[in-house]
PDB file of all heavy atoms in Angstrom:
ATOM      1  N   LEU A   1     134.311  65.619  73.978  1.00  0.00           N
ATOM      2  CA  LEU A   1     135.649  66.274  74.015  1.00  0.00           C
ATOM      3  C   LEU A   1     136.447  65.869  75.211  1.00  0.00           C
ATOM      4  O   LEU A   1     135.897  65.934  76.374  1.00  0.00           O
ATOM      5  CB  LEU A   1     135.481  67.789  73.970  1.00  0.00           C
ATOM      6  CG  LEU A   1     136.625  68.622  73.694  1.00  0.00           C
ATOM      7  CD1 LEU A   1     137.139  68.484  72.243  1.00  0.00           C
ATOM      8  CD2 LEU A   1     136.387  70.113  74.018  1.00  0.00           C
ATOM      9  N   PRO A   2     137.615  65.444  75.077  1.00  0.00           N
ATOM     10  CA  PRO A   2     138.414  65.164  76.322  1.00  0.00           C
ATOM     11  C   PRO A   2     138.951  66.429  76.916  1.00  0.00           C
ATOM     12  O   PRO A   2     139.167  67.430  76.239  1.00  0.00           O
ATOM     13  CB  PRO A   2     139.623  64.294  75.774  1.00  0.00           C
ATOM     14  CG  PRO A   2     139.733  64.718  74.362  1.00  0.00           C
ATOM     15  CD  PRO A   2     138.388  65.083  73.858  1.00  0.00           C
ATOM     16  N   LEU A   3     139.200  66.386  78.326  1.00  0.00           N
ATOM     17  CA  LEU A   3     139.620  67.587  78.993  1.00  0.00           C
ATOM     18  C   LEU A   3     140.577  67.021  80.086  1.00  0.00           C
ATOM     19  O   LEU A   3     140.278  66.102  80.735  1.00  0.00           O
ATOM     20  CB  LEU A   3     138.423  68.271  79.569  1.00  0.00           C
ATOM     21  CG  LEU A   3     138.667  69.567  80.353  1.00  0.00           C
ATOM     22  CD1 LEU A   3     139.254  70.662  79.430  1.00  0.00           C
ATOM     23  CD2 LEU A   3     137.379  70.002  81.034  1.00  0.00           C
ATOM     24  N   VAL A   4     141.703  67.737  80.215  1.00  0.00           N
ATOM     25  CA  VAL A   4     142.668  67.369  81.269  1.00  0.00           C
ATOM     26  C   VAL A   4     142.638  68.330  82.406  1.00  0.00           C
ATOM     27  O   VAL A   4     142.739  69.513  82.140  1.00  0.00           O
ATOM     28  CB  VAL A   4     144.097  67.248  80.665  1.00  0.00           C
ATOM     29  CG1 VAL A   4     145.092  66.879  81.752  1.00  0.00           C
ATOM     30  CG2 VAL A   4     144.161  66.168  79.566  1.00  0.00           C
ATOM     31  N   PHE A   5     142.481  67.909  83.583  1.00  0.00           N
ATOM     32  CA  PHE A   5     142.599  68.679  84.762  1.00  0.00           C
ATOM     33  C   PHE A   5     143.830  68.305  85.519  1.00  0.00           C
ATOM     34  O   PHE A   5     143.914  67.181  86.003  1.00  0.00           O
ATOM     35  CB  PHE A   5     141.399  68.481  85.720  1.00  0.00           C
ATOM     36  CG  PHE A   5     140.238  69.366  85.436  1.00  0.00           C
ATOM     37  CD1 PHE A   5     139.118  68.875  84.773  1.00  0.00           C
ATOM     38  CD2 PHE A   5     140.198  70.680  85.805  1.00  0.00           C
ATOM     39  CE1 PHE A   5     138.064  69.645  84.516  1.00  0.00           C
ATOM     40  CE2 PHE A   5     139.116  71.589  85.494  1.00  0.00           C
ATOM     41  CZ  PHE A   5     138.046  71.003  84.858  1.00  0.00           C
ATOM     42  N   ASP A   6     144.805  69.172  85.659  1.00  0.00           N
ATOM     43  CA  ASP A   6     146.021  68.767  86.373  1.00  0.00           C
ATOM     44  C   ASP A   6     146.221  69.502  87.628  1.00  0.00           C
ATOM     45  O   ASP A   6     146.925  69.115  88.499  1.00  0.00           O
ATOM     46  CB  ASP A   6     147.249  68.994  85.459  1.00  0.00           C
ATOM     47  CG  ASP A   6     147.348  70.461  84.954  1.00  0.00           C
ATOM     48  OD1 ASP A   6     146.395  71.167  85.227  1.00  0.00           O
ATOM     49  OD2 ASP A   6     148.345  70.772  84.406  1.00  0.00           O
ATOM     50  N   ASP A   7     145.564  70.628  87.836  1.00  0.00           N
ATOM     51  CA  ASP A   7     145.776  71.403  89.037  1.00  0.00           C
ATOM     52  C   ASP A   7     144.447  71.992  89.659  1.00  0.00           C
ATOM     53  O   ASP A   7     144.513  72.757  90.658  1.00  0.00           O
ATOM     54  CB  ASP A   7     146.650  72.534  88.765  1.00  0.00           C
ATOM     55  CG  ASP A   7     146.172  73.515  87.707  1.00  0.00           C
ATOM     56  OD1 ASP A   7     145.125  73.188  87.033  1.00  0.00           O
ATOM     57  OD2 ASP A   7     146.613  74.598  87.625  1.00  0.00           O
ATOM     58  N   ALA A   8     143.326  71.588  89.158  1.00  0.00           N
ATOM     59  CA  ALA A   8     142.035  72.251  89.536  1.00  0.00           C
ATOM     60  C   ALA A   8     141.643  72.077  90.983  1.00  0.00           C
ATOM     61  O   ALA A   8     140.913  72.844  91.592  1.00  0.00           O
ATOM     62  CB  ALA A   8     140.923  71.853  88.654  1.00  0.00           C
ATOM     63  N   PHE A   9     142.279  71.052  91.661  1.00  0.00           N
ATOM     64  CA  PHE A   9     141.801  70.701  93.045  1.00  0.00           C
ATOM     65  C   PHE A   9     142.928  70.909  94.070  1.00  0.00           C
ATOM     66  O   PHE A   9     142.773  70.471  95.167  1.00  0.00           O
ATOM     67  CB  PHE A   9     141.279  69.233  93.069  1.00  0.00           C
ATOM     68  CG  PHE A   9     140.209  68.978  91.980  1.00  0.00           C
ATOM     69  CD1 PHE A   9     140.341  67.910  91.150  1.00  0.00           C
ATOM     70  CD2 PHE A   9     139.127  69.782  91.896  1.00  0.00           C
ATOM     71  CE1 PHE A   9     139.465  67.655  90.138  1.00  0.00           C
ATOM     72  CE2 PHE A   9     138.234  69.541  90.850  1.00  0.00           C
ATOM     73  CZ  PHE A   9     138.342  68.433  90.037  1.00  0.00           C
ATOM     74  N   ALA A  10     143.980  71.534  93.713  1.00  0.00           N
ATOM     75  CA  ALA A  10     145.135  71.634  94.534  1.00  0.00           C
ATOM     76  C   ALA A  10     144.854  72.365  95.822  1.00  0.00           C
ATOM     77  O   ALA A  10     145.414  72.067  96.907  1.00  0.00           O
ATOM     78  CB  ALA A  10     146.315  72.274  93.800  1.00  0.00           C
ATOM     79  N   HIS A  11     143.999  73.361  95.804  1.00  0.00           N
ATOM     80  CA  HIS A  11     143.720  74.170  96.961  1.00  0.00           C
ATOM     81  C   HIS A  11     142.265  73.938  97.527  1.00  0.00           C
ATOM     82  O   HIS A  11     141.753  74.836  98.137  1.00  0.00           O
ATOM     83  CB  HIS A  11     143.936  75.614  96.727  1.00  0.00           C
ATOM     84  CG  HIS A  11     145.333  76.001  96.346  1.00  0.00           C
ATOM     85  ND1 HIS A  11     146.330  75.988  97.218  1.00  0.00           N
ATOM     86  CD2 HIS A  11     145.840  76.259  95.090  1.00  0.00           C
ATOM     87  CE1 HIS A  11     147.440  76.304  96.584  1.00  0.00           C
ATOM     88  NE2 HIS A  11     147.174  76.468  95.321  1.00  0.00           N
ATOM     89  N   SER A  12     141.824  72.700  97.329  1.00  0.00           N
ATOM     90  CA  SER A  12     140.432  72.460  97.835  1.00  0.00           C
ATOM     91  C   SER A  12     140.496  71.527  99.059  1.00  0.00           C
ATOM     92  O   SER A  12     141.257  70.518  99.013  1.00  0.00           O
ATOM     93  CB  SER A  12     139.683  71.788  96.721  1.00  0.00           C
ATOM     94  OG  SER A  12     139.466  72.632  95.645  1.00  0.00           O
ATOM     95  N   ASP A  13     139.617  71.814 100.050  1.00  0.00           N
ATOM     96  CA  ASP A  13     139.632  70.925 101.185  1.00  0.00           C
ATOM     97  C   ASP A  13     138.886  69.637 100.827  1.00  0.00           C
ATOM     98  O   ASP A  13     138.171  69.598  99.784  1.00  0.00           O
ATOM     99  CB  ASP A  13     138.999  71.633 102.418  1.00  0.00           C
ATOM    100  CG  ASP A  13     137.613  72.113 102.191  1.00  0.00           C
ATOM    101  OD1 ASP A  13     136.726  71.345 101.614  1.00  0.00           O
ATOM    102  OD2 ASP A  13     137.347  73.301 102.411  1.00  0.00           O
ATOM    103  N   PRO A  14     138.986  68.582 101.657  1.00  0.00           N
ATOM    104  CA  PRO A  14     138.341  67.330 101.346  1.00  0.00           C
ATOM    105  C   PRO A  14     136.854  67.372 101.031  1.00  0.00           C
ATOM    106  O   PRO A  14     136.305  66.706 100.155  1.00  0.00           O
ATOM    107  CB  PRO A  14     138.661  66.409 102.481  1.00  0.00           C
ATOM    108  CG  PRO A  14     139.906  66.915 103.062  1.00  0.00           C
ATOM    109  CD  PRO A  14     139.844  68.480 102.866  1.00  0.00           C
ATOM    110  N   GLU A  15     136.122  68.201 101.756  1.00  0.00           N
ATOM    111  CA  GLU A  15     134.708  68.387 101.638  1.00  0.00           C
ATOM    112  C   GLU A  15     134.449  68.984 100.283  1.00  0.00           C
ATOM    113  O   GLU A  15     133.518  68.576  99.606  1.00  0.00           O
ATOM    114  CB  GLU A  15     134.077  69.217 102.728  1.00  0.00           C
ATOM    115  CG  GLU A  15     132.606  69.480 102.570  1.00  0.00           C
ATOM    116  CD  GLU A  15     132.094  70.368 103.694  1.00  0.00           C
ATOM    117  OE1 GLU A  15     132.544  70.373 104.820  1.00  0.00           O
ATOM    118  OE2 GLU A  15     131.138  71.133 103.334  1.00  0.00           O
ATOM    119  N   ARG A  16     135.201  70.018  99.881  1.00  0.00           N
ATOM    120  CA  ARG A  16     134.950  70.696  98.587  1.00  0.00           C
ATOM    121  C   ARG A  16     135.325  69.761  97.465  1.00  0.00           C
ATOM    122  O   ARG A  16     134.644  69.817  96.414  1.00  0.00           O
ATOM    123  CB  ARG A  16     135.781  71.978  98.583  1.00  0.00           C
ATOM    124  CG  ARG A  16     135.528  72.896  97.388  1.00  0.00           C
ATOM    125  CD  ARG A  16     134.130  73.480  97.272  1.00  0.00           C
ATOM    126  NE  ARG A  16     133.603  74.057  98.411  1.00  0.00           N
ATOM    127  CZ  ARG A  16     133.730  75.388  98.709  1.00  0.00           C
ATOM    128  NH1 ARG A  16     134.445  76.158  97.947  1.00  0.00           N
ATOM    129  NH2 ARG A  16     133.166  75.879  99.813  1.00  0.00           N
ATOM    130  N   VAL A  17     136.320  68.891  97.614  1.00  0.00           N
ATOM    131  CA  VAL A  17     136.649  67.934  96.564  1.00  0.00           C
ATOM    132  C   VAL A  17     135.493  67.059  96.265  1.00  0.00           C
ATOM    133  O   VAL A  17     135.173  66.786  95.055  1.00  0.00           O
ATOM    134  CB  VAL A  17     137.911  67.104  96.942  1.00  0.00           C
ATOM    135  CG1 VAL A  17     138.115  65.937  96.018  1.00  0.00           C
ATOM    136  CG2 VAL A  17     139.148  67.962  97.024  1.00  0.00           C
ATOM    137  N   GLN A  18     134.767  66.613  97.233  1.00  0.00           N
ATOM    138  CA  GLN A  18     133.564  65.854  97.003  1.00  0.00           C
ATOM    139  C   GLN A  18     132.521  66.617  96.177  1.00  0.00           C
ATOM    140  O   GLN A  18     131.854  66.016  95.274  1.00  0.00           O
ATOM    141  CB  GLN A  18     132.897  65.353  98.310  1.00  0.00           C
ATOM    142  CG  GLN A  18     133.797  64.362  99.032  1.00  0.00           C
ATOM    143  CD  GLN A  18     134.086  63.097  98.251  1.00  0.00           C
ATOM    144  OE1 GLN A  18     133.208  62.512  97.640  1.00  0.00           O
ATOM    145  NE2 GLN A  18     135.321  62.742  98.179  1.00  0.00           N
ATOM    146  N   LYS A  19     132.396  67.855  96.449  1.00  0.00           N
ATOM    147  CA  LYS A  19     131.444  68.699  95.641  1.00  0.00           C
ATOM    148  C   LYS A  19     132.021  68.917  94.267  1.00  0.00           C
ATOM    149  O   LYS A  19     131.177  68.923  93.276  1.00  0.00           O
ATOM    150  CB  LYS A  19     131.226  70.010  96.331  1.00  0.00           C
ATOM    151  CG  LYS A  19     130.496  69.895  97.675  1.00  0.00           C
ATOM    152  CD  LYS A  19     130.301  71.212  98.381  1.00  0.00           C
ATOM    153  CE  LYS A  19     129.567  71.010  99.700  1.00  0.00           C
ATOM    154  NZ  LYS A  19     129.353  72.240 100.362  1.00  0.00           N
ATOM    155  N   LEU A  20     133.295  69.025  94.119  1.00  0.00           N
ATOM    156  CA  LEU A  20     133.891  69.123  92.740  1.00  0.00           C
ATOM    157  C   LEU A  20     133.597  67.957  91.914  1.00  0.00           C
ATOM    158  O   LEU A  20     133.410  68.010  90.664  1.00  0.00           O
ATOM    159  CB  LEU A  20     135.380  69.446  92.843  1.00  0.00           C
ATOM    160  CG  LEU A  20     135.745  70.809  93.378  1.00  0.00           C
ATOM    161  CD1 LEU A  20     137.175  70.838  93.796  1.00  0.00           C
ATOM    162  CD2 LEU A  20     135.417  71.864  92.288  1.00  0.00           C
ATOM    163  N   LEU A  21     133.578  66.788  92.537  1.00  0.00           N
ATOM    164  CA  LEU A  21     133.215  65.485  91.809  1.00  0.00           C
ATOM    165  C   LEU A  21     131.851  65.620  91.214  1.00  0.00           C
ATOM    166  O   LEU A  21     131.613  65.075  90.070  1.00  0.00           O
ATOM    167  CB  LEU A  21     133.438  64.333  92.710  1.00  0.00           C
ATOM    168  CG  LEU A  21     134.856  64.067  93.140  1.00  0.00           C
ATOM    169  CD1 LEU A  21     134.851  62.818  94.149  1.00  0.00           C
ATOM    170  CD2 LEU A  21     135.713  63.736  91.938  1.00  0.00           C
ATOM    171  N   ARG A  22     130.936  66.261  91.888  1.00  0.00           N
ATOM    172  CA  ARG A  22     129.598  66.451  91.339  1.00  0.00           C
ATOM    173  C   ARG A  22     129.621  67.318  90.113  1.00  0.00           C
ATOM    174  O   ARG A  22     128.937  67.111  89.115  1.00  0.00           O
ATOM    175  CB  ARG A  22     128.641  67.215  92.386  1.00  0.00           C
ATOM    176  CG  ARG A  22     128.310  66.272  93.475  1.00  0.00           C
ATOM    177  CD  ARG A  22     127.329  66.962  94.467  1.00  0.00           C
ATOM    178  NE  ARG A  22     127.609  66.465  95.764  1.00  0.00           N
ATOM    179  CZ  ARG A  22     127.447  67.158  96.887  1.00  0.00           C
ATOM    180  NH1 ARG A  22     126.956  68.401  96.859  1.00  0.00           N
ATOM    181  NH2 ARG A  22     127.695  66.625  98.078  1.00  0.00           N
ATOM    182  N   MET A  23     130.530  68.325  90.094  1.00  0.00           N
ATOM    183  CA  MET A  23     130.706  69.165  88.860  1.00  0.00           C
ATOM    184  C   MET A  23     131.261  68.362  87.777  1.00  0.00           C
ATOM    185  O   MET A  23     130.809  68.514  86.646  1.00  0.00           O
ATOM    186  CB  MET A  23     131.601  70.335  89.271  1.00  0.00           C
ATOM    187  CG  MET A  23     131.810  71.301  88.167  1.00  0.00           C
ATOM    188  SD  MET A  23     132.689  72.873  88.691  1.00  0.00           S
ATOM    189  CE  MET A  23     134.347  72.233  89.060  1.00  0.00           C
ATOM    190  N   LEU A  24     132.215  67.533  88.057  1.00  0.00           N
ATOM    191  CA  LEU A  24     132.741  66.617  86.972  1.00  0.00           C
ATOM    192  C   LEU A  24     131.766  65.649  86.425  1.00  0.00           C
ATOM    193  O   LEU A  24     131.708  65.363  85.257  1.00  0.00           O
ATOM    194  CB  LEU A  24     134.001  65.922  87.502  1.00  0.00           C
ATOM    195  CG  LEU A  24     135.190  66.804  87.775  1.00  0.00           C
ATOM    196  CD1 LEU A  24     136.354  65.950  88.419  1.00  0.00           C
ATOM    197  CD2 LEU A  24     135.655  67.592  86.595  1.00  0.00           C
ATOM    198  N   ASP A  25     130.895  65.159  87.384  1.00  0.00           N
ATOM    199  CA  ASP A  25     129.811  64.230  86.922  1.00  0.00           C
ATOM    200  C   ASP A  25     128.853  64.944  85.952  1.00  0.00           C
ATOM    201  O   ASP A  25     128.450  64.358  84.927  1.00  0.00           O
ATOM    202  CB  ASP A  25     128.995  63.770  88.140  1.00  0.00           C
ATOM    203  CG  ASP A  25     129.765  62.680  88.905  1.00  0.00           C
ATOM    204  OD1 ASP A  25     130.663  61.991  88.317  1.00  0.00           O
ATOM    205  OD2 ASP A  25     129.400  62.433  90.102  1.00  0.00           O
ATOM    206  N   LEU A  26     128.601  66.172  86.237  1.00  0.00           N
ATOM    207  CA  LEU A  26     127.695  67.007  85.313  1.00  0.00           C
ATOM    208  C   LEU A  26     128.364  67.082  83.959  1.00  0.00           C
ATOM    209  O   LEU A  26     127.719  66.912  82.939  1.00  0.00           O
ATOM    210  CB  LEU A  26     127.430  68.400  85.904  1.00  0.00           C
ATOM    211  CG  LEU A  26     126.594  69.301  85.010  1.00  0.00           C
ATOM    212  CD1 LEU A  26     125.247  68.766  84.680  1.00  0.00           C
ATOM    213  CD2 LEU A  26     126.546  70.677  85.684  1.00  0.00           C
ATOM    214  N   ALA A  27     129.667  67.435  83.993  1.00  0.00           N
ATOM    215  CA  ALA A  27     130.372  67.600  82.678  1.00  0.00           C
ATOM    216  C   ALA A  27     130.388  66.285  81.974  1.00  0.00           C
ATOM    217  O   ALA A  27     130.195  66.289  80.689  1.00  0.00           O
ATOM    218  CB  ALA A  27     131.823  68.035  83.016  1.00  0.00           C
ATOM    219  N   ALA A  28     130.595  65.163  82.610  1.00  0.00           N
ATOM    220  CA  ALA A  28     130.608  63.846  81.991  1.00  0.00           C
ATOM    221  C   ALA A  28     129.162  63.630  81.345  1.00  0.00           C
ATOM    222  O   ALA A  28     129.113  62.975  80.160  1.00  0.00           O
ATOM    223  CB  ALA A  28     130.976  62.746  82.890  1.00  0.00           C
ATOM    224  N   SER A  29     128.160  63.970  82.054  1.00  0.00           N
ATOM    225  CA  SER A  29     126.829  63.723  81.518  1.00  0.00           C
ATOM    226  C   SER A  29     126.587  64.601  80.257  1.00  0.00           C
ATOM    227  O   SER A  29     125.687  64.305  79.481  1.00  0.00           O
ATOM    228  CB  SER A  29     125.761  64.029  82.533  1.00  0.00           C
ATOM    229  OG  SER A  29     125.615  65.375  82.825  1.00  0.00           O
ATOM    230  N   ARG A  30     127.294  65.631  80.133  1.00  0.00           N
ATOM    231  CA  ARG A  30     127.217  66.499  78.964  1.00  0.00           C
ATOM    232  C   ARG A  30     128.222  66.198  77.839  1.00  0.00           C
ATOM    233  O   ARG A  30     128.403  67.012  76.934  1.00  0.00           O
ATOM    234  CB  ARG A  30     127.372  67.971  79.346  1.00  0.00           C
ATOM    235  CG  ARG A  30     126.161  68.453  80.320  1.00  0.00           C
ATOM    236  CD  ARG A  30     126.358  69.862  80.721  1.00  0.00           C
ATOM    237  NE  ARG A  30     125.234  70.312  81.413  1.00  0.00           N
ATOM    238  CZ  ARG A  30     125.208  71.526  82.003  1.00  0.00           C
ATOM    239  NH1 ARG A  30     126.167  72.312  81.990  1.00  0.00           N
ATOM    240  NH2 ARG A  30     124.112  71.865  82.699  1.00  0.00           N
ATOM    241  N   GLY A  31     128.872  65.014  77.943  1.00  0.00           N
ATOM    242  CA  GLY A  31     129.771  64.602  76.862  1.00  0.00           C
ATOM    243  C   GLY A  31     131.258  64.761  77.001  1.00  0.00           C
ATOM    244  O   GLY A  31     131.983  64.473  76.162  1.00  0.00           O
TER     245      GLY A  31
END
């Protein structure tokens, strides 16, 4: 299923953005 994120990272500091990428990698591995 495609999913669009347009604002999910607007209030995240650079360190947290790197951690958020791990969350997106998990989602991608789940389809």
